[in-house]
Amino acid sequence: MIAIDKTLVSDDLLEKKFVCALDKCKGACCVAGDSGAPLDWEETSIIENVYEEVKPYMTDEGIKSVDTYGKWLIDSDGDFVTPLIDGVKQCAFVFFEKGIAKCAFEKAYYDGKIKWKKPISCHLYPVRITKHENYDAVNYNKWEVCSPACANGEALGVSVFEFVKEALIRKYGEEWYKQLEGAAIFKLAEAEK
């Protein structure tokens, strides 16, 4: 583990390799699972505020699910999450492009319709953050649907923390990320001794 400010970062972020391979997984992380994308409390109001700009990018099923369940909800674990289509399928904010699941928030962001890219949990994936009273645990979440991404990361030599650099900076800032990079360089040097 690496301690940076009020975070404990798993060594897996430095040691494991990962680069999304959407051509192989088809965006399965937006489709599989038993709950919607985790949301921070602040993100629930953002979703409320940007929904009308995002709605044109959504499927009819997704819009119907939002109409039925709401723009966000609380799951069985008590966490804030995005709704699922029919309460059991993919995220309500997913649309498909050439058979690949894509994010309506992200599409609206890149089209200049909103200033918020997508939920931080989605942007960080495969990194998951567990909040504790005095610190955040920053962990790599290994999931079978991401096996192609692991193989792709190995082939390209890209570590998990490098793959999610933009999202980690968005969450914790540039200085925090520089400290993580420093820890990675140090660990690599130690391993080569």
C-alpha atoms as a PDB file:
ATOM      1  CA  MET A   1       0.000   0.000   0.000  1.00  0.00           C
ATOM      2  CA  ILE A   2       1.042   3.554  -0.695  1.00  0.00           C
ATOM      3  CA  ALA A   3      -0.072   6.361   1.611  1.00  0.00           C
ATOM      4  CA  ILE A   4      -0.641   9.719  -0.101  1.00  0.00           C
ATOM      5  CA  ASP A   5      -2.424  12.452   1.830  1.00  0.00           C
ATOM      6  CA  LYS A   6      -5.688  10.874   3.010  1.00  0.00           C
ATOM      7  CA  THR A   7      -5.561   7.894   0.654  1.00  0.00           C
ATOM      8  CA  LEU A   8      -4.192   4.375   0.801  1.00  0.00           C
ATOM      9  CA  VAL A   9      -3.411   3.176  -2.716  1.00  0.00           C
ATOM     10  CA  SER A  10      -3.148  -0.517  -3.542  1.00  0.00           C
ATOM     11  CA  ASP A  11       0.119  -1.662  -5.118  1.00  0.00           C
ATOM     12  CA  ASP A  12      -2.057  -3.297  -7.787  1.00  0.00           C
ATOM     13  CA  LEU A  13      -2.525   0.121  -9.426  1.00  0.00           C
ATOM     14  CA  LEU A  14       1.203   0.160 -10.131  1.00  0.00           C
ATOM     15  CA  GLU A  15       1.756  -3.540 -10.779  1.00  0.00           C
ATOM     16  CA  LYS A  16      -1.269  -4.582 -12.858  1.00  0.00           C
ATOM     17  CA  LYS A  17      -1.590  -3.645 -16.523  1.00  0.00           C
ATOM     18  CA  PHE A  18      -4.775  -2.332 -18.108  1.00  0.00           C
ATOM     19  CA  VAL A  19      -5.977  -0.551 -21.258  1.00  0.00           C
ATOM     20  CA  CYS A  20      -9.617  -0.815 -22.307  1.00  0.00           C
ATOM     21  CA  ALA A  21     -10.206  -2.953 -25.382  1.00  0.00           C
ATOM     22  CA  LEU A  22     -13.706  -1.848 -26.382  1.00  0.00           C
ATOM     23  CA  ASP A  23     -13.509  -3.766 -29.638  1.00  0.00           C
ATOM     24  CA  LYS A  24     -13.392  -6.967 -27.571  1.00  0.00           C
ATOM     25  CA  CYS A  25     -15.414  -6.290 -24.406  1.00  0.00           C
ATOM     26  CA  LYS A  26     -18.019  -4.068 -26.137  1.00  0.00           C
ATOM     27  CA  GLY A  27     -18.261  -1.843 -23.039  1.00  0.00           C
ATOM     28  CA  ALA A  28     -19.383  -4.694 -20.792  1.00  0.00           C
ATOM     29  CA  CYS A  29     -18.676  -2.702 -17.611  1.00  0.00           C
ATOM     30  CA  CYS A  30     -21.618  -0.428 -18.527  1.00  0.00           C
ATOM     31  CA  VAL A  31     -23.893  -3.414 -19.155  1.00  0.00           C
ATOM     32  CA  ALA A  32     -22.956  -6.128 -16.631  1.00  0.00           C
ATOM     33  CA  GLY A  33     -23.395  -6.000 -12.877  1.00  0.00           C
ATOM     34  CA  ASP A  34     -26.185  -5.990 -10.358  1.00  0.00           C
ATOM     35  CA  SER A  35     -26.368  -2.253  -9.733  1.00  0.00           C
ATOM     36  CA  GLY A  36     -25.901   1.023 -11.568  1.00  0.00           C
ATOM     37  CA  ALA A  37     -22.726   3.104 -11.611  1.00  0.00           C
ATOM     38  CA  PRO A  38     -21.745   4.319  -8.129  1.00  0.00           C
ATOM     39  CA  LEU A  39     -22.294   8.050  -7.609  1.00  0.00           C
ATOM     40  CA  ASP A  40     -20.950  10.576  -5.127  1.00  0.00           C
ATOM     41  CA  TRP A  41     -23.696  12.562  -3.421  1.00  0.00           C
ATOM     42  CA  GLU A  42     -22.639  15.726  -5.289  1.00  0.00           C
ATOM     43  CA  GLU A  43     -23.064  13.913  -8.600  1.00  0.00           C
ATOM     44  CA  THR A  44     -26.763  13.292  -7.990  1.00  0.00           C
ATOM     45  CA  SER A  45     -27.491  17.014  -8.303  1.00  0.00           C
ATOM     46  CA  ILE A  46     -25.224  17.277 -11.358  1.00  0.00           C
ATOM     47  CA  ILE A  47     -27.252  14.537 -13.050  1.00  0.00           C
ATOM     48  CA  GLU A  48     -30.463  16.374 -12.151  1.00  0.00           C
ATOM     49  CA  ASN A  49     -29.047  19.564 -13.717  1.00  0.00           C
ATOM     50  CA  VAL A  50     -27.662  18.066 -16.965  1.00  0.00           C
ATOM     51  CA  TYR A  51     -30.360  15.488 -17.680  1.00  0.00           C
ATOM     52  CA  GLU A  52     -32.219  17.467 -20.356  1.00  0.00           C
ATOM     53  CA  GLU A  53     -28.970  17.987 -22.319  1.00  0.00           C
ATOM     54  CA  VAL A  54     -28.048  14.301 -21.985  1.00  0.00           C
ATOM     55  CA  LYS A  55     -31.501  12.896 -22.767  1.00  0.00           C
ATOM     56  CA  PRO A  56     -31.160  13.205 -26.597  1.00  0.00           C
ATOM     57  CA  TYR A  57     -28.192  10.794 -26.450  1.00  0.00           C
ATOM     58  CA  MET A  58     -30.090   8.152 -24.510  1.00  0.00           C
ATOM     59  CA  THR A  59     -32.097   5.212 -25.806  1.00  0.00           C
ATOM     60  CA  ASP A  60     -35.869   5.127 -25.462  1.00  0.00           C
ATOM     61  CA  GLU A  61     -35.427   2.297 -22.929  1.00  0.00           C
ATOM     62  CA  GLY A  62     -33.019   4.423 -20.907  1.00  0.00           C
ATOM     63  CA  ILE A  63     -35.381   7.389 -20.856  1.00  0.00           C
ATOM     64  CA  LYS A  64     -38.255   5.111 -19.822  1.00  0.00           C
ATOM     65  CA  SER A  65     -36.132   3.715 -16.963  1.00  0.00           C
ATOM     66  CA  VAL A  66     -35.285   7.227 -15.744  1.00  0.00           C
ATOM     67  CA  ASP A  67     -38.987   8.103 -15.921  1.00  0.00           C
ATOM     68  CA  THR A  68     -39.759   4.976 -13.886  1.00  0.00           C
ATOM     69  CA  TYR A  69     -36.908   4.875 -11.343  1.00  0.00           C
ATOM     70  CA  GLY A  70     -35.541   8.420 -11.318  1.00  0.00           C
ATOM     71  CA  LYS A  71     -32.283   9.976 -12.541  1.00  0.00           C
ATOM     72  CA  TRP A  72     -30.414   8.280  -9.689  1.00  0.00           C
ATOM     73  CA  LEU A  73     -31.387   5.966  -6.862  1.00  0.00           C
ATOM     74  CA  ILE A  74     -30.159   4.234  -3.734  1.00  0.00           C
ATOM     75  CA  ASP A  75     -29.287   0.552  -4.199  1.00  0.00           C
ATOM     76  CA  SER A  76     -29.649  -2.339  -1.745  1.00  0.00           C
ATOM     77  CA  ASP A  77     -26.243  -1.484  -0.211  1.00  0.00           C
ATOM     78  CA  GLY A  78     -27.378   2.077   0.495  1.00  0.00           C
ATOM     79  CA  ASP A  79     -25.173   3.586  -2.242  1.00  0.00           C
ATOM     80  CA  PHE A  80     -26.177   6.267  -4.735  1.00  0.00           C
ATOM     81  CA  VAL A  81     -26.203   4.751  -8.247  1.00  0.00           C
ATOM     82  CA  THR A  82     -27.461   5.358 -11.764  1.00  0.00           C
ATOM     83  CA  PRO A  83     -30.670   3.495 -12.660  1.00  0.00           C
ATOM     84  CA  LEU A  84     -30.602   0.339 -14.783  1.00  0.00           C
ATOM     85  CA  ILE A  85     -32.834  -0.346 -17.764  1.00  0.00           C
ATOM     86  CA  ASP A  86     -35.839  -2.326 -16.491  1.00  0.00           C
ATOM     87  CA  GLY A  87     -34.070  -2.285 -13.115  1.00  0.00           C
ATOM     88  CA  VAL A  88     -31.822  -5.203 -14.122  1.00  0.00           C
ATOM     89  CA  LYS A  89     -30.070  -4.508 -17.452  1.00  0.00           C
ATOM     90  CA  GLN A  90     -27.452  -1.951 -18.535  1.00  0.00           C
ATOM     91  CA  CYS A  91     -27.081   1.554 -17.145  1.00  0.00           C
ATOM     92  CA  ALA A  92     -29.955   3.792 -18.247  1.00  0.00           C
ATOM     93  CA  PHE A  93     -27.422   6.294 -19.618  1.00  0.00           C
ATOM     94  CA  VAL A  94     -25.896   3.802 -22.085  1.00  0.00           C
ATOM     95  CA  PHE A  95     -26.388   3.936 -25.830  1.00  0.00           C
ATOM     96  CA  PHE A  96     -24.860   1.631 -28.421  1.00  0.00           C
ATOM     97  CA  GLU A  97     -22.613   2.588 -31.316  1.00  0.00           C
ATOM     98  CA  LYS A  98     -21.543  -0.233 -33.647  1.00  0.00           C
ATOM     99  CA  GLY A  99     -22.454  -2.729 -30.930  1.00  0.00           C
ATOM    100  CA  ILE A 100     -20.313  -1.014 -28.266  1.00  0.00           C
ATOM    101  CA  ALA A 101     -21.873   0.408 -25.102  1.00  0.00           C
ATOM    102  CA  LYS A 102     -21.113   4.124 -24.776  1.00  0.00           C
ATOM    103  CA  CYS A 103     -21.960   6.762 -22.172  1.00  0.00           C
ATOM    104  CA  ALA A 104     -24.572   9.425 -22.928  1.00  0.00           C
ATOM    105  CA  PHE A 105     -22.954  11.790 -20.407  1.00  0.00           C
ATOM    106  CA  GLU A 106     -19.573  11.453 -22.095  1.00  0.00           C
ATOM    107  CA  LYS A 107     -21.058  11.939 -25.562  1.00  0.00           C
ATOM    108  CA  ALA A 108     -22.864  15.105 -24.428  1.00  0.00           C
ATOM    109  CA  TYR A 109     -19.600  16.295 -22.833  1.00  0.00           C
ATOM    110  CA  TYR A 110     -17.561  15.783 -26.006  1.00  0.00           C
ATOM    111  CA  ASP A 111     -20.296  17.471 -28.047  1.00  0.00           C
ATOM    112  CA  GLY A 112     -19.976  20.529 -25.789  1.00  0.00           C
ATOM    113  CA  LYS A 113     -23.488  20.200 -24.339  1.00  0.00           C
ATOM    114  CA  ILE A 114     -22.361  19.746 -20.708  1.00  0.00           C
ATOM    115  CA  LYS A 115     -19.188  20.455 -18.709  1.00  0.00           C
ATOM    116  CA  TRP A 116     -19.247  17.215 -16.674  1.00  0.00           C
ATOM    117  CA  LYS A 117     -17.673  14.173 -18.326  1.00  0.00           C
ATOM    118  CA  LYS A 118     -19.401  11.323 -16.466  1.00  0.00           C
ATOM    119  CA  PRO A 119     -19.593   9.848 -12.958  1.00  0.00           C
ATOM    120  CA  ILE A 120     -16.122   9.696 -11.419  1.00  0.00           C
ATOM    121  CA  SER A 121     -16.605   5.979 -10.666  1.00  0.00           C
ATOM    122  CA  CYS A 122     -17.002   5.319 -14.405  1.00  0.00           C
ATOM    123  CA  HIS A 123     -14.077   7.556 -15.336  1.00  0.00           C
ATOM    124  CA  LEU A 124     -11.853   5.809 -12.768  1.00  0.00           C
ATOM    125  CA  TYR A 125     -12.791   2.249 -13.702  1.00  0.00           C
ATOM    126  CA  PRO A 126     -11.138  -0.297 -13.058  1.00  0.00           C
ATOM    127  CA  VAL A 127     -10.182   1.684  -9.951  1.00  0.00           C
ATOM    128  CA  ARG A 128     -12.717   1.677  -7.140  1.00  0.00           C
ATOM    129  CA  ILE A 129     -12.616   3.964  -4.118  1.00  0.00           C
ATOM    130  CA  THR A 130     -13.933   2.926  -0.730  1.00  0.00           C
ATOM    131  CA  LYS A 131     -14.431   5.830   1.655  1.00  0.00           C
ATOM    132  CA  HIS A 132     -13.453   5.277   5.271  1.00  0.00           C
ATOM    133  CA  GLU A 133     -13.719   7.719   8.148  1.00  0.00           C
ATOM    134  CA  ASN A 134     -10.173   9.098   7.802  1.00  0.00           C
ATOM    135  CA  TYR A 135      -9.044   7.984   4.362  1.00  0.00           C
ATOM    136  CA  ASP A 136     -10.002   6.673   0.935  1.00  0.00           C
ATOM    137  CA  ALA A 137      -8.921   3.152  -0.047  1.00  0.00           C
ATOM    138  CA  VAL A 138      -7.958   3.300  -3.739  1.00  0.00           C
ATOM    139  CA  ASN A 139      -8.065  -0.216  -5.190  1.00  0.00           C
ATOM    140  CA  TYR A 140      -7.921  -2.053  -8.487  1.00  0.00           C
ATOM    141  CA  ASN A 141     -11.137  -3.982  -9.146  1.00  0.00           C
ATOM    142  CA  LYS A 142     -10.414  -7.103 -11.165  1.00  0.00           C
ATOM    143  CA  TRP A 143     -13.463  -8.230 -13.144  1.00  0.00           C
ATOM    144  CA  GLU A 144     -13.619 -11.044 -15.703  1.00  0.00           C
ATOM    145  CA  VAL A 145     -15.347  -8.837 -18.293  1.00  0.00           C
ATOM    146  CA  CYS A 146     -12.142  -6.765 -18.381  1.00  0.00           C
ATOM    147  CA  SER A 147      -9.824  -9.657 -19.291  1.00  0.00           C
ATOM    148  CA  PRO A 148      -9.240  -8.178 -22.785  1.00  0.00           C
ATOM    149  CA  ALA A 149      -8.195  -4.887 -21.150  1.00  0.00           C
ATOM    150  CA  CYS A 150      -5.696  -6.704 -18.940  1.00  0.00           C
ATOM    151  CA  ALA A 151      -4.183  -8.472 -21.961  1.00  0.00           C
ATOM    152  CA  ASN A 152      -4.137  -5.183 -23.886  1.00  0.00           C
ATOM    153  CA  GLY A 153      -2.415  -3.411 -20.980  1.00  0.00           C
ATOM    154  CA  GLU A 154       0.197  -6.169 -20.780  1.00  0.00           C
ATOM    155  CA  ALA A 155       0.884  -5.908 -24.506  1.00  0.00           C
ATOM    156  CA  LEU A 156       1.200  -2.118 -24.307  1.00  0.00           C
ATOM    157  CA  GLY A 157       3.014  -2.035 -20.953  1.00  0.00           C
ATOM    158  CA  VAL A 158       0.521   0.401 -19.387  1.00  0.00           C
ATOM    159  CA  SER A 159      -0.170   0.202 -15.648  1.00  0.00           C
ATOM    160  CA  VAL A 160      -3.643   0.737 -14.201  1.00  0.00           C
ATOM    161  CA  PHE A 161      -2.674   4.085 -12.647  1.00  0.00           C
ATOM    162  CA  GLU A 162      -1.326   5.306 -15.990  1.00  0.00           C
ATOM    163  CA  PHE A 163      -4.489   4.270 -17.792  1.00  0.00           C
ATOM    164  CA  VAL A 164      -6.711   6.210 -15.377  1.00  0.00           C
ATOM    165  CA  LYS A 165      -4.350   9.198 -15.011  1.00  0.00           C
ATOM    166  CA  GLU A 166      -6.908  11.801 -16.120  1.00  0.00           C
ATOM    167  CA  ALA A 167      -9.549  10.432 -13.736  1.00  0.00           C
ATOM    168  CA  LEU A 168      -7.150  10.216 -10.782  1.00  0.00           C
ATOM    169  CA  ILE A 169      -6.118  13.829 -11.367  1.00  0.00           C
ATOM    170  CA  ARG A 170      -9.778  14.796 -11.625  1.00  0.00           C
ATOM    171  CA  LYS A 171     -10.432  13.088  -8.266  1.00  0.00           C
ATOM    172  CA  TYR A 172      -7.301  13.943  -6.257  1.00  0.00           C
ATOM    173  CA  GLY A 173      -5.363  16.592  -8.195  1.00  0.00           C
ATOM    174  CA  GLU A 174      -2.046  16.910 -10.066  1.00  0.00           C
ATOM    175  CA  GLU A 175       0.171  16.975  -6.965  1.00  0.00           C
ATOM    176  CA  TRP A 176      -1.381  13.766  -5.639  1.00  0.00           C
ATOM    177  CA  TYR A 177      -0.816  12.066  -8.995  1.00  0.00           C
ATOM    178  CA  LYS A 178       2.831  13.223  -9.104  1.00  0.00           C
ATOM    179  CA  GLN A 179       3.334  11.584  -5.717  1.00  0.00           C
ATOM    180  CA  LEU A 180       1.827   8.358  -7.062  1.00  0.00           C
ATOM    181  CA  GLU A 181       4.146   8.513 -10.084  1.00  0.00           C
ATOM    182  CA  GLY A 182       7.088   9.009  -7.726  1.00  0.00           C
ATOM    183  CA  ALA A 183       6.042   5.961  -5.725  1.00  0.00           C
ATOM    184  CA  ALA A 184       5.812   3.936  -8.945  1.00  0.00           C
ATOM    185  CA  ILE A 185       9.318   4.993 -10.011  1.00  0.00           C
ATOM    186  CA  PHE A 186      10.677   4.130  -6.556  1.00  0.00           C
ATOM    187  CA  LYS A 187       8.978   0.710  -6.511  1.00  0.00           C
ATOM    188  CA  LEU A 188      10.260  -0.083 -10.001  1.00  0.00           C
ATOM    189  CA  ALA A 189      13.809   0.843  -8.987  1.00  0.00           C
ATOM    190  CA  GLU A 190      13.521  -1.323  -5.854  1.00  0.00           C
ATOM    191  CA  ALA A 191      12.236  -4.262  -7.898  1.00  0.00           C
ATOM    192  CA  GLU A 192      15.175  -4.013 -10.304  1.00  0.00           C
ATOM    193  CA  LYS A 193      17.798  -4.196  -7.520  1.00  0.00           C
END
